[in-house]
Amino acid sequence: MNEGRVSTKRPELLADLAEMYYIQGLTQHQIAEKIGVDRSMISRLLAEARREGIVEIRITRPFSFQNQLSVQLTEQFKLQQACVLISRNEEYNLLLQRLGMVGAGLFEGFLAPNTVLGLSWGTAVRALVDAVEIEQPIEMKIVQLVGAMGALNSAYDGHGLVQRLAQKLGCEGYFLNAPFIVENPQIAQALMQNQNVQEALSLASQCNVVVVGIGSTQPQFSSFYQAGYVPLDELVELRSMGLVGDVCGHHFTLRGETPDIEFQHRTVTVPAQDLKAIPVRIGIAGGVGKAESILGAMRAGFINVLVTDESAARSVLALSGY
């Protein structure tokens, strides 16, 4: 900004005032005198600059980890790595934000040119994508692992998350253009034969790294149910079969067993054997309510890197008899 000159164009004016206040360190009173308006006007304009995204305030909070639990989880379940965030008395949404930031920091360490990255869907994966910040574009590919959940869930649907992360990383996104679940296995099979779907799933099988959420069959913790994508009676039926959770729609028991169920044949998603063959499989989930799902996912081999919190980790170890 040129000294002594303030733009008359609204967005530039807001940016000029923000620079004076946040970078040059002038007070609101000094800025008001400088451009000839009252201080309350400056306060309103600075607030507008924040609302419009011209000013973004970022707080870098140091995180504390429970290293002993990390070691126990890594050894017990033969993980490559486990990050266990020390729990605080906080709402679930705030826990998700913190897990997303931790997950983003870990995830960024796996990014490199020519990497093929896979993303599932869900609120925890969304929190990680929200927290990713990369200064330089990376020449890589990002592919959607799970079919679409529908327009109502665009904020954490796989298509939207792939699109957002590809924009952040300055790379290409590849989409699985089919619904996640359909009425019967015949429709799912027909969709799986579609050339575009086959190309996306072929690329998914070539992933070096995937980031996946860990779903639950408990209604209060089930994103499928909360999003209105799976009715309660179907969720109850899955639960009655001993299934405690899913990764990319592949359901498992607490022991990590993956029985052949009709639900699975109605889905369009990366095949389980392809998912388990991917070298780095980062699972992100937290809270005591997700303990069963986390345990089952590790035992089933769907994840080998875990991002979670202390309360979930302690519950997982207790459930496993460790």
C-alpha atoms as a PDB file:
ATOM      1  CA  MET A   1       0.000   0.000   0.000  1.00  0.00           C
ATOM      2  CA  ASN A   2       1.300   3.467  -0.868  1.00  0.00           C
ATOM      3  CA  GLU A   3       1.842   5.610   2.225  1.00  0.00           C
ATOM      4  CA  GLY A   4      -0.902   8.223   2.607  1.00  0.00           C
ATOM      5  CA  ARG A   5      -3.176   6.727  -0.076  1.00  0.00           C
ATOM      6  CA  VAL A   6      -6.284   4.663   0.611  1.00  0.00           C
ATOM      7  CA  SER A   7      -8.269   3.059  -2.201  1.00  0.00           C
ATOM      8  CA  THR A   8     -11.881   4.094  -2.773  1.00  0.00           C
ATOM      9  CA  LYS A   9     -12.805   0.605  -4.083  1.00  0.00           C
ATOM     10  CA  ARG A  10     -14.516  -1.298  -1.282  1.00  0.00           C
ATOM     11  CA  PRO A  11     -12.441  -4.515  -1.210  1.00  0.00           C
ATOM     12  CA  GLU A  12      -9.184  -2.592  -1.608  1.00  0.00           C
ATOM     13  CA  LEU A  13     -10.275  -0.085   1.045  1.00  0.00           C
ATOM     14  CA  LEU A  14     -10.896  -2.935   3.493  1.00  0.00           C
ATOM     15  CA  ALA A  15      -7.489  -4.428   2.664  1.00  0.00           C
ATOM     16  CA  ASP A  16      -5.791  -1.028   3.140  1.00  0.00           C
ATOM     17  CA  LEU A  17      -7.376  -0.529   6.544  1.00  0.00           C
ATOM     18  CA  ALA A  18      -6.520  -4.097   7.568  1.00  0.00           C
ATOM     19  CA  GLU A  19      -2.860  -3.552   6.635  1.00  0.00           C
ATOM     20  CA  MET A  20      -2.730  -0.359   8.709  1.00  0.00           C
ATOM     21  CA  TYR A  21      -4.261  -2.076  11.723  1.00  0.00           C
ATOM     22  CA  TYR A  22      -2.814  -5.595  11.649  1.00  0.00           C
ATOM     23  CA  ILE A  23       0.537  -5.080   9.917  1.00  0.00           C
ATOM     24  CA  GLN A  24       1.574  -1.465  10.555  1.00  0.00           C
ATOM     25  CA  GLY A  25       0.179  -1.573  14.095  1.00  0.00           C
ATOM     26  CA  LEU A  26      -1.783   1.685  13.945  1.00  0.00           C
ATOM     27  CA  THR A  27      -4.654   2.092  16.395  1.00  0.00           C
ATOM     28  CA  GLN A  28      -8.206   2.490  15.161  1.00  0.00           C
ATOM     29  CA  HIS A  29      -8.108   6.111  16.365  1.00  0.00           C
ATOM     30  CA  GLN A  30      -4.919   6.796  14.362  1.00  0.00           C
ATOM     31  CA  ILE A  31      -6.434   5.227  11.225  1.00  0.00           C
ATOM     32  CA  ALA A  32      -9.618   7.281  11.661  1.00  0.00           C
ATOM     33  CA  GLU A  33      -7.608  10.517  11.880  1.00  0.00           C
ATOM     34  CA  LYS A  34      -5.491   9.494   8.899  1.00  0.00           C
ATOM     35  CA  ILE A  35      -8.420   9.030   6.508  1.00  0.00           C
ATOM     36  CA  GLY A  36     -10.880  11.464   8.090  1.00  0.00           C
ATOM     37  CA  VAL A  37     -13.643   9.302   9.562  1.00  0.00           C
ATOM     38  CA  ASP A  38     -14.697   8.452  13.126  1.00  0.00           C
ATOM     39  CA  ARG A  39     -13.215   5.510  15.008  1.00  0.00           C
ATOM     40  CA  SER A  40     -16.506   3.555  15.112  1.00  0.00           C
ATOM     41  CA  MET A  41     -16.480   3.500  11.296  1.00  0.00           C
ATOM     42  CA  ILE A  42     -13.000   1.949  11.321  1.00  0.00           C
ATOM     43  CA  SER A  43     -14.178  -0.703  13.767  1.00  0.00           C
ATOM     44  CA  ARG A  44     -17.118  -1.603  11.518  1.00  0.00           C
ATOM     45  CA  LEU A  45     -14.926  -1.747   8.400  1.00  0.00           C
ATOM     46  CA  LEU A  46     -12.372  -4.012  10.103  1.00  0.00           C
ATOM     47  CA  ALA A  47     -15.197  -6.326  11.184  1.00  0.00           C
ATOM     48  CA  GLU A  48     -16.446  -6.356   7.582  1.00  0.00           C
ATOM     49  CA  ALA A  49     -12.933  -7.250   6.362  1.00  0.00           C
ATOM     50  CA  ARG A  50     -12.991 -10.324   8.586  1.00  0.00           C
ATOM     51  CA  ARG A  51     -16.489 -11.346   7.462  1.00  0.00           C
ATOM     52  CA  GLU A  52     -15.498 -11.052   3.808  1.00  0.00           C
ATOM     53  CA  GLY A  53     -12.374 -13.175   4.295  1.00  0.00           C
ATOM     54  CA  ILE A  54     -10.002 -10.288   3.529  1.00  0.00           C
ATOM     55  CA  VAL A  55      -8.585 -10.753   7.009  1.00  0.00           C
ATOM     56  CA  GLU A  56      -7.993 -14.295   8.235  1.00  0.00           C
ATOM     57  CA  ILE A  57      -6.866 -14.795  11.809  1.00  0.00           C
ATOM     58  CA  ARG A  58      -5.077 -18.029  12.580  1.00  0.00           C
ATOM     59  CA  ILE A  59      -4.148 -19.187  16.078  1.00  0.00           C
ATOM     60  CA  THR A  60      -1.371 -21.759  16.153  1.00  0.00           C
ATOM     61  CA  ARG A  61      -2.042 -23.767  19.299  1.00  0.00           C
ATOM     62  CA  PRO A  62       0.614 -26.210  20.542  1.00  0.00           C
ATOM     63  CA  PHE A  63      -0.784 -29.710  20.945  1.00  0.00           C
ATOM     64  CA  SER A  64      -0.051 -32.129  23.764  1.00  0.00           C
ATOM     65  CA  PHE A  65       0.085 -35.858  23.103  1.00  0.00           C
ATOM     66  CA  GLN A  66      -0.216 -38.977  25.246  1.00  0.00           C
ATOM     67  CA  ASN A  67       2.941 -40.692  24.046  1.00  0.00           C
ATOM     68  CA  GLN A  68       2.560 -43.773  26.233  1.00  0.00           C
ATOM     69  CA  LEU A  69      -0.831 -44.533  24.711  1.00  0.00           C
ATOM     70  CA  SER A  70       0.616 -43.928  21.247  1.00  0.00           C
ATOM     71  CA  VAL A  71       3.287 -46.569  21.867  1.00  0.00           C
ATOM     72  CA  GLN A  72       0.754 -49.029  23.307  1.00  0.00           C
ATOM     73  CA  LEU A  73      -1.563 -48.692  20.306  1.00  0.00           C
ATOM     74  CA  THR A  74       1.303 -48.941  17.836  1.00  0.00           C
ATOM     75  CA  GLU A  75       2.685 -52.096  19.427  1.00  0.00           C
ATOM     76  CA  GLN A  76      -0.645 -53.783  20.168  1.00  0.00           C
ATOM     77  CA  PHE A  77      -2.104 -53.305  16.695  1.00  0.00           C
ATOM     78  CA  LYS A  78       1.104 -53.210  14.635  1.00  0.00           C
ATOM     79  CA  LEU A  79       0.470 -49.689  13.391  1.00  0.00           C
ATOM     80  CA  GLN A  80       2.997 -47.580  11.546  1.00  0.00           C
ATOM     81  CA  GLN A  81       2.118 -44.634  13.772  1.00  0.00           C
ATOM     82  CA  ALA A  82      -0.477 -43.441  16.287  1.00  0.00           C
ATOM     83  CA  CYS A  83      -1.076 -39.838  17.344  1.00  0.00           C
ATOM     84  CA  VAL A  84      -3.060 -39.604  20.587  1.00  0.00           C
ATOM     85  CA  LEU A  85      -4.158 -36.085  21.450  1.00  0.00           C
ATOM     86  CA  ILE A  86      -4.549 -35.367  25.159  1.00  0.00           C
ATOM     87  CA  SER A  87      -8.264 -35.045  25.889  1.00  0.00           C
ATOM     88  CA  ARG A  88      -9.911 -31.869  27.135  1.00  0.00           C
ATOM     89  CA  ASN A  89     -13.443 -31.267  28.335  1.00  0.00           C
ATOM     90  CA  GLU A  90     -14.803 -29.935  25.057  1.00  0.00           C
ATOM     91  CA  GLU A  91     -17.672 -30.367  22.639  1.00  0.00           C
ATOM     92  CA  TYR A  92     -17.310 -32.980  19.913  1.00  0.00           C
ATOM     93  CA  ASN A  93     -17.052 -30.358  17.166  1.00  0.00           C
ATOM     94  CA  LEU A  94     -14.088 -28.739  18.912  1.00  0.00           C
ATOM     95  CA  LEU A  95     -12.454 -32.157  19.343  1.00  0.00           C
ATOM     96  CA  LEU A  96     -12.905 -32.767  15.607  1.00  0.00           C
ATOM     97  CA  GLN A  97     -11.220 -29.457  14.804  1.00  0.00           C
ATOM     98  CA  ARG A  98      -8.211 -30.337  16.955  1.00  0.00           C
ATOM     99  CA  LEU A  99      -7.989 -33.847  15.496  1.00  0.00           C
ATOM    100  CA  GLY A 100      -8.204 -32.331  12.020  1.00  0.00           C
ATOM    101  CA  MET A 101      -5.260 -30.021  12.739  1.00  0.00           C
ATOM    102  CA  VAL A 102      -3.175 -32.867  14.141  1.00  0.00           C
ATOM    103  CA  GLY A 103      -4.151 -35.118  11.246  1.00  0.00           C
ATOM    104  CA  ALA A 104      -3.276 -32.431   8.711  1.00  0.00           C
ATOM    105  CA  GLY A 105       0.197 -32.026  10.195  1.00  0.00           C
ATOM    106  CA  LEU A 106       0.800 -35.761  10.047  1.00  0.00           C
ATOM    107  CA  PHE A 107      -0.739 -36.107   6.585  1.00  0.00           C
ATOM    108  CA  GLU A 108       1.382 -33.315   5.107  1.00  0.00           C
ATOM    109  CA  GLY A 109       4.482 -35.339   5.947  1.00  0.00           C
ATOM    110  CA  PHE A 110       3.389 -38.014   3.456  1.00  0.00           C
ATOM    111  CA  LEU A 111       2.873 -35.622   0.541  1.00  0.00           C
ATOM    112  CA  ALA A 112       5.382 -35.737  -2.285  1.00  0.00           C
ATOM    113  CA  PRO A 113       5.394 -35.329  -6.083  1.00  0.00           C
ATOM    114  CA  ASN A 114       3.709 -38.192  -7.961  1.00  0.00           C
ATOM    115  CA  THR A 115       1.830 -39.340  -4.871  1.00  0.00           C
ATOM    116  CA  VAL A 116      -1.652 -40.745  -5.456  1.00  0.00           C
ATOM    117  CA  LEU A 117      -3.880 -39.832  -2.510  1.00  0.00           C
ATOM    118  CA  GLY A 118      -7.310 -41.267  -1.713  1.00  0.00           C
ATOM    119  CA  LEU A 119     -10.007 -39.584   0.388  1.00  0.00           C
ATOM    120  CA  SER A 120     -13.151 -41.070   1.869  1.00  0.00           C
ATOM    121  CA  TRP A 121     -15.798 -38.802   3.389  1.00  0.00           C
ATOM    122  CA  GLY A 122     -17.168 -37.632   6.732  1.00  0.00           C
ATOM    123  CA  THR A 123     -16.824 -34.920   9.355  1.00  0.00           C
ATOM    124  CA  ALA A 124     -13.395 -36.036  10.616  1.00  0.00           C
ATOM    125  CA  VAL A 125     -11.921 -36.141   7.096  1.00  0.00           C
ATOM    126  CA  ARG A 126     -13.461 -32.738   6.465  1.00  0.00           C
ATOM    127  CA  ALA A 127     -11.757 -31.366   9.597  1.00  0.00           C
ATOM    128  CA  LEU A 128      -8.407 -32.597   8.288  1.00  0.00           C
ATOM    129  CA  VAL A 129      -8.979 -31.078   4.838  1.00  0.00           C
ATOM    130  CA  ASP A 130      -9.994 -27.778   6.469  1.00  0.00           C
ATOM    131  CA  ALA A 131      -6.701 -27.687   8.366  1.00  0.00           C
ATOM    132  CA  VAL A 132      -4.345 -28.484   5.454  1.00  0.00           C
ATOM    133  CA  GLU A 133      -2.134 -25.556   4.437  1.00  0.00           C
ATOM    134  CA  ILE A 134       0.487 -25.997   1.725  1.00  0.00           C
ATOM    135  CA  GLU A 135       2.632 -23.119   0.480  1.00  0.00           C
ATOM    136  CA  GLN A 136       3.696 -24.633  -2.852  1.00  0.00           C
ATOM    137  CA  PRO A 137       1.612 -26.747  -5.278  1.00  0.00           C
ATOM    138  CA  ILE A 138       2.432 -30.453  -5.331  1.00  0.00           C
ATOM    139  CA  GLU A 139       2.249 -32.479  -8.539  1.00  0.00           C
ATOM    140  CA  MET A 140       0.078 -35.378  -7.417  1.00  0.00           C
ATOM    141  CA  LYS A 141      -3.372 -36.914  -7.851  1.00  0.00           C
ATOM    142  CA  ILE A 142      -6.303 -37.084  -5.432  1.00  0.00           C
ATOM    143  CA  VAL A 143      -9.050 -39.644  -5.958  1.00  0.00           C
ATOM    144  CA  GLN A 144     -12.466 -40.110  -4.362  1.00  0.00           C
ATOM    145  CA  LEU A 145     -12.700 -43.529  -2.704  1.00  0.00           C
ATOM    146  CA  VAL A 146     -16.426 -43.694  -1.953  1.00  0.00           C
ATOM    147  CA  GLY A 147     -19.455 -42.869  -4.107  1.00  0.00           C
ATOM    148  CA  ALA A 148     -21.424 -39.689  -3.525  1.00  0.00           C
ATOM    149  CA  MET A 149     -23.567 -39.235  -0.435  1.00  0.00           C
ATOM    150  CA  GLY A 150     -25.897 -36.679  -1.995  1.00  0.00           C
ATOM    151  CA  ALA A 151     -26.269 -32.920  -2.342  1.00  0.00           C
ATOM    152  CA  LEU A 152     -27.448 -32.417   1.241  1.00  0.00           C
ATOM    153  CA  ASN A 153     -24.064 -33.538   2.574  1.00  0.00           C
ATOM    154  CA  SER A 154     -21.785 -31.620   0.212  1.00  0.00           C
ATOM    155  CA  ALA A 155     -19.715 -30.155   3.063  1.00  0.00           C
ATOM    156  CA  TYR A 156     -18.293 -33.574   3.932  1.00  0.00           C
ATOM    157  CA  ASP A 157     -19.129 -35.609   0.851  1.00  0.00           C
ATOM    158  CA  GLY A 158     -16.183 -37.257  -0.878  1.00  0.00           C
ATOM    159  CA  HIS A 159     -16.600 -35.316  -4.110  1.00  0.00           C
ATOM    160  CA  GLY A 160     -16.537 -31.962  -2.335  1.00  0.00           C
ATOM    161  CA  LEU A 161     -13.583 -32.905  -0.141  1.00  0.00           C
ATOM    162  CA  VAL A 162     -11.506 -34.097  -3.109  1.00  0.00           C
ATOM    163  CA  GLN A 163     -12.313 -30.885  -4.952  1.00  0.00           C
ATOM    164  CA  ARG A 164     -11.351 -28.676  -2.001  1.00  0.00           C
ATOM    165  CA  LEU A 165      -8.125 -30.508  -1.222  1.00  0.00           C
ATOM    166  CA  ALA A 166      -7.089 -30.539  -4.884  1.00  0.00           C
ATOM    167  CA  GLN A 167      -7.537 -26.760  -4.951  1.00  0.00           C
ATOM    168  CA  LYS A 168      -5.460 -26.371  -1.792  1.00  0.00           C
ATOM    169  CA  LEU A 169      -2.651 -28.554  -3.111  1.00  0.00           C
ATOM    170  CA  GLY A 170      -2.811 -27.215  -6.649  1.00  0.00           C
ATOM    171  CA  CYS A 171      -3.219 -30.677  -8.149  1.00  0.00           C
ATOM    172  CA  GLU A 172      -5.694 -32.854 -10.038  1.00  0.00           C
ATOM    173  CA  GLY A 173      -8.814 -34.381  -8.511  1.00  0.00           C
ATOM    174  CA  TYR A 174     -10.442 -37.572  -9.789  1.00  0.00           C
ATOM    175  CA  PHE A 175     -14.055 -38.321  -8.932  1.00  0.00           C
ATOM    176  CA  LEU A 176     -16.139 -41.436  -8.385  1.00  0.00           C
ATOM    177  CA  ASN A 177     -19.255 -40.270 -10.223  1.00  0.00           C
ATOM    178  CA  ALA A 178     -21.804 -42.665  -8.778  1.00  0.00           C
ATOM    179  CA  PRO A 179     -23.968 -42.839  -5.645  1.00  0.00           C
ATOM    180  CA  PHE A 180     -22.472 -44.655  -2.674  1.00  0.00           C
ATOM    181  CA  ILE A 181     -25.437 -46.943  -2.046  1.00  0.00           C
ATOM    182  CA  VAL A 182     -28.279 -48.030  -4.335  1.00  0.00           C
ATOM    183  CA  GLU A 183     -31.463 -50.086  -4.070  1.00  0.00           C
ATOM    184  CA  ASN A 184     -30.089 -53.489  -5.064  1.00  0.00           C
ATOM    185  CA  PRO A 185     -26.852 -55.301  -5.983  1.00  0.00           C
ATOM    186  CA  GLN A 186     -27.763 -55.383  -9.687  1.00  0.00           C
ATOM    187  CA  ILE A 187     -27.734 -51.582  -9.936  1.00  0.00           C
ATOM    188  CA  ALA A 188     -24.453 -51.404  -8.014  1.00  0.00           C
ATOM    189  CA  GLN A 189     -22.879 -53.991 -10.314  1.00  0.00           C
ATOM    190  CA  ALA A 190     -24.000 -52.074 -13.396  1.00  0.00           C
ATOM    191  CA  LEU A 191     -22.500 -48.857 -12.023  1.00  0.00           C
ATOM    192  CA  MET A 192     -19.238 -50.656 -11.265  1.00  0.00           C
ATOM    193  CA  GLN A 193     -19.043 -51.603 -14.947  1.00  0.00           C
ATOM    194  CA  ASN A 194     -19.246 -47.966 -16.032  1.00  0.00           C
ATOM    195  CA  GLN A 195     -15.979 -46.865 -17.650  1.00  0.00           C
ATOM    196  CA  ASN A 196     -15.636 -43.664 -15.609  1.00  0.00           C
ATOM    197  CA  VAL A 197     -16.289 -45.526 -12.364  1.00  0.00           C
ATOM    198  CA  GLN A 198     -13.797 -48.233 -13.323  1.00  0.00           C
ATOM    199  CA  GLU A 199     -11.140 -45.616 -14.090  1.00  0.00           C
ATOM    200  CA  ALA A 200     -11.626 -43.944 -10.701  1.00  0.00           C
ATOM    201  CA  LEU A 201     -11.500 -47.263  -8.842  1.00  0.00           C
ATOM    202  CA  SER A 202      -8.421 -48.315 -10.821  1.00  0.00           C
ATOM    203  CA  LEU A 203      -6.675 -45.129  -9.728  1.00  0.00           C
ATOM    204  CA  ALA A 204      -7.842 -45.727  -6.151  1.00  0.00           C
ATOM    205  CA  SER A 205      -6.055 -49.081  -6.198  1.00  0.00           C
ATOM    206  CA  GLN A 206      -2.816 -47.229  -7.057  1.00  0.00           C
ATOM    207  CA  CYS A 207      -2.943 -44.923  -4.020  1.00  0.00           C
ATOM    208  CA  ASN A 208       0.174 -44.491  -1.911  1.00  0.00           C
ATOM    209  CA  VAL A 209      -1.758 -42.807   0.922  1.00  0.00           C
ATOM    210  CA  VAL A 210      -5.416 -42.685   1.937  1.00  0.00           C
ATOM    211  CA  VAL A 211      -7.224 -40.654   4.571  1.00  0.00           C
ATOM    212  CA  VAL A 212     -10.400 -42.308   5.850  1.00  0.00           C
ATOM    213  CA  GLY A 213     -13.023 -41.673   8.469  1.00  0.00           C
ATOM    214  CA  ILE A 214     -14.142 -44.481  10.766  1.00  0.00           C
ATOM    215  CA  GLY A 215     -17.902 -44.925  10.878  1.00  0.00           C
ATOM    216  CA  SER A 216     -20.079 -46.382  13.628  1.00  0.00           C
ATOM    217  CA  THR A 217     -23.279 -48.426  13.662  1.00  0.00           C
ATOM    218  CA  GLN A 218     -24.433 -46.694  16.848  1.00  0.00           C
ATOM    219  CA  PRO A 219     -27.122 -44.214  15.688  1.00  0.00           C
ATOM    220  CA  GLN A 220     -25.802 -41.326  17.782  1.00  0.00           C
ATOM    221  CA  PHE A 221     -22.344 -41.701  16.221  1.00  0.00           C
ATOM    222  CA  SER A 222     -23.282 -42.833  12.707  1.00  0.00           C
ATOM    223  CA  SER A 223     -22.663 -40.272   9.972  1.00  0.00           C
ATOM    224  CA  PHE A 224     -24.624 -42.478   7.551  1.00  0.00           C
ATOM    225  CA  TYR A 225     -27.696 -42.253   9.782  1.00  0.00           C
ATOM    226  CA  GLN A 226     -27.230 -38.655  10.938  1.00  0.00           C
ATOM    227  CA  ALA A 227     -26.974 -37.551   7.300  1.00  0.00           C
ATOM    228  CA  GLY A 228     -30.186 -39.402   6.461  1.00  0.00           C
ATOM    229  CA  TYR A 229     -28.423 -41.748   4.089  1.00  0.00           C
ATOM    230  CA  VAL A 230     -29.153 -45.027   5.892  1.00  0.00           C
ATOM    231  CA  PRO A 231     -32.493 -45.515   7.702  1.00  0.00           C
ATOM    232  CA  LEU A 232     -32.533 -46.437  11.362  1.00  0.00           C
ATOM    233  CA  ASP A 233     -33.950 -49.924  10.785  1.00  0.00           C
ATOM    234  CA  GLU A 234     -31.078 -50.782   8.429  1.00  0.00           C
ATOM    235  CA  LEU A 235     -28.522 -49.470  10.909  1.00  0.00           C
ATOM    236  CA  VAL A 236     -30.149 -51.514  13.692  1.00  0.00           C
ATOM    237  CA  GLU A 237     -29.974 -54.593  11.466  1.00  0.00           C
ATOM    238  CA  LEU A 238     -26.257 -54.059  10.850  1.00  0.00           C
ATOM    239  CA  ARG A 239     -25.731 -53.662  14.588  1.00  0.00           C
ATOM    240  CA  SER A 240     -27.688 -56.845  15.294  1.00  0.00           C
ATOM    241  CA  MET A 241     -25.245 -58.764  13.070  1.00  0.00           C
ATOM    242  CA  GLY A 242     -22.389 -57.730  15.368  1.00  0.00           C
ATOM    243  CA  LEU A 243     -21.071 -55.035  13.040  1.00  0.00           C
ATOM    244  CA  VAL A 244     -19.645 -52.088  14.978  1.00  0.00           C
ATOM    245  CA  GLY A 245     -18.413 -49.765  12.235  1.00  0.00           C
ATOM    246  CA  ASP A 246     -17.138 -49.250   8.726  1.00  0.00           C
ATOM    247  CA  VAL A 247     -14.330 -47.772   6.653  1.00  0.00           C
ATOM    248  CA  CYS A 248     -15.318 -46.682   3.140  1.00  0.00           C
ATOM    249  CA  GLY A 249     -18.567 -48.586   3.636  1.00  0.00           C
ATOM    250  CA  HIS A 250     -16.833 -51.901   4.469  1.00  0.00           C
ATOM    251  CA  HIS A 251     -18.362 -53.053   7.756  1.00  0.00           C
ATOM    252  CA  PHE A 252     -16.572 -55.064  10.416  1.00  0.00           C
ATOM    253  CA  THR A 253     -17.095 -56.624  13.820  1.00  0.00           C
ATOM    254  CA  LEU A 254     -15.263 -55.760  17.021  1.00  0.00           C
ATOM    255  CA  ARG A 255     -12.885 -58.624  16.249  1.00  0.00           C
ATOM    256  CA  GLY A 256     -12.138 -57.200  12.817  1.00  0.00           C
ATOM    257  CA  GLU A 257     -14.155 -59.764  10.883  1.00  0.00           C
ATOM    258  CA  THR A 258     -15.708 -58.574   7.610  1.00  0.00           C
ATOM    259  CA  PRO A 259     -18.682 -60.833   6.832  1.00  0.00           C
ATOM    260  CA  ASP A 260     -20.225 -60.883   3.360  1.00  0.00           C
ATOM    261  CA  ILE A 261     -23.434 -58.859   3.815  1.00  0.00           C
ATOM    262  CA  GLU A 262     -26.103 -57.688   1.385  1.00  0.00           C
ATOM    263  CA  PHE A 263     -25.449 -54.028   2.270  1.00  0.00           C
ATOM    264  CA  GLN A 264     -21.941 -54.295   0.865  1.00  0.00           C
ATOM    265  CA  HIS A 265     -23.206 -55.499  -2.513  1.00  0.00           C
ATOM    266  CA  ARG A 266     -25.304 -52.334  -2.880  1.00  0.00           C
ATOM    267  CA  THR A 267     -22.359 -49.940  -2.565  1.00  0.00           C
ATOM    268  CA  VAL A 268     -19.983 -48.266  -5.010  1.00  0.00           C
ATOM    269  CA  THR A 269     -16.666 -47.923  -3.221  1.00  0.00           C
ATOM    270  CA  VAL A 270     -13.020 -48.957  -3.373  1.00  0.00           C
ATOM    271  CA  PRO A 271     -12.821 -52.758  -2.924  1.00  0.00           C
ATOM    272  CA  ALA A 272     -11.724 -53.886   0.534  1.00  0.00           C
ATOM    273  CA  GLN A 273      -8.720 -55.856  -0.746  1.00  0.00           C
ATOM    274  CA  ASP A 274      -7.482 -52.822  -2.716  1.00  0.00           C
ATOM    275  CA  LEU A 275      -7.907 -50.558   0.308  1.00  0.00           C
ATOM    276  CA  LYS A 276      -5.955 -52.885   2.604  1.00  0.00           C
ATOM    277  CA  ALA A 277      -3.087 -53.093   0.083  1.00  0.00           C
ATOM    278  CA  ILE A 278      -2.442 -49.325   0.161  1.00  0.00           C
ATOM    279  CA  PRO A 279       0.844 -48.634   2.000  1.00  0.00           C
ATOM    280  CA  VAL A 280      -0.334 -45.764   4.240  1.00  0.00           C
ATOM    281  CA  ARG A 281      -3.917 -45.866   5.537  1.00  0.00           C
ATOM    282  CA  ILE A 282      -4.603 -42.941   7.866  1.00  0.00           C
ATOM    283  CA  GLY A 283      -7.743 -43.283   9.991  1.00  0.00           C
ATOM    284  CA  ILE A 284      -9.053 -40.313  11.947  1.00  0.00           C
ATOM    285  CA  ALA A 285     -11.715 -40.570  14.661  1.00  0.00           C
ATOM    286  CA  GLY A 286     -12.158 -39.503  18.269  1.00  0.00           C
ATOM    287  CA  GLY A 287     -14.391 -39.679  21.306  1.00  0.00           C
ATOM    288  CA  VAL A 288     -15.318 -42.649  23.492  1.00  0.00           C
ATOM    289  CA  GLY A 289     -18.287 -43.381  21.221  1.00  0.00           C
ATOM    290  CA  LYS A 290     -15.937 -44.300  18.378  1.00  0.00           C
ATOM    291  CA  ALA A 291     -13.802 -46.719  20.435  1.00  0.00           C
ATOM    292  CA  GLU A 292     -15.501 -49.895  19.135  1.00  0.00           C
ATOM    293  CA  SER A 293     -15.199 -48.703  15.549  1.00  0.00           C
ATOM    294  CA  ILE A 294     -11.538 -47.754  15.910  1.00  0.00           C
ATOM    295  CA  LEU A 295     -10.711 -51.129  17.442  1.00  0.00           C
ATOM    296  CA  GLY A 296     -12.567 -53.046  14.731  1.00  0.00           C
ATOM    297  CA  ALA A 297     -10.981 -50.968  11.951  1.00  0.00           C
ATOM    298  CA  MET A 298      -7.456 -51.660  13.231  1.00  0.00           C
ATOM    299  CA  ARG A 299      -8.119 -55.364  13.698  1.00  0.00           C
ATOM    300  CA  ALA A 300      -9.638 -55.594  10.211  1.00  0.00           C
ATOM    301  CA  GLY A 301      -6.525 -54.012   8.698  1.00  0.00           C
ATOM    302  CA  PHE A 302      -8.302 -51.026   7.177  1.00  0.00           C
ATOM    303  CA  ILE A 303      -5.994 -48.507   8.870  1.00  0.00           C
ATOM    304  CA  ASN A 304      -2.332 -48.593   9.878  1.00  0.00           C
ATOM    305  CA  VAL A 305      -1.933 -44.964  11.004  1.00  0.00           C
ATOM    306  CA  LEU A 306      -4.316 -43.615  13.653  1.00  0.00           C
ATOM    307  CA  VAL A 307      -5.192 -40.077  14.715  1.00  0.00           C
ATOM    308  CA  THR A 308      -7.382 -40.058  17.820  1.00  0.00           C
ATOM    309  CA  ASP A 309      -7.726 -38.642  21.321  1.00  0.00           C
ATOM    310  CA  GLU A 310      -6.831 -39.906  24.774  1.00  0.00           C
ATOM    311  CA  SER A 311     -10.365 -40.877  25.848  1.00  0.00           C
ATOM    312  CA  ALA A 312     -10.920 -42.958  22.716  1.00  0.00           C
ATOM    313  CA  ALA A 313      -7.459 -44.539  22.983  1.00  0.00           C
ATOM    314  CA  ARG A 314      -8.004 -45.614  26.606  1.00  0.00           C
ATOM    315  CA  SER A 315     -11.390 -47.089  25.714  1.00  0.00           C
ATOM    316  CA  VAL A 316      -9.912 -48.961  22.747  1.00  0.00           C
ATOM    317  CA  LEU A 317      -7.185 -50.504  24.894  1.00  0.00           C
ATOM    318  CA  ALA A 318      -9.722 -51.440  27.590  1.00  0.00           C
ATOM    319  CA  LEU A 319     -11.998 -53.085  25.019  1.00  0.00           C
ATOM    320  CA  SER A 320      -9.068 -55.038  23.603  1.00  0.00           C
ATOM    321  CA  GLY A 321      -8.081 -56.327  27.035  1.00  0.00           C
ATOM    322  CA  TYR A 322      -4.667 -54.660  26.896  1.00  0.00           C
END
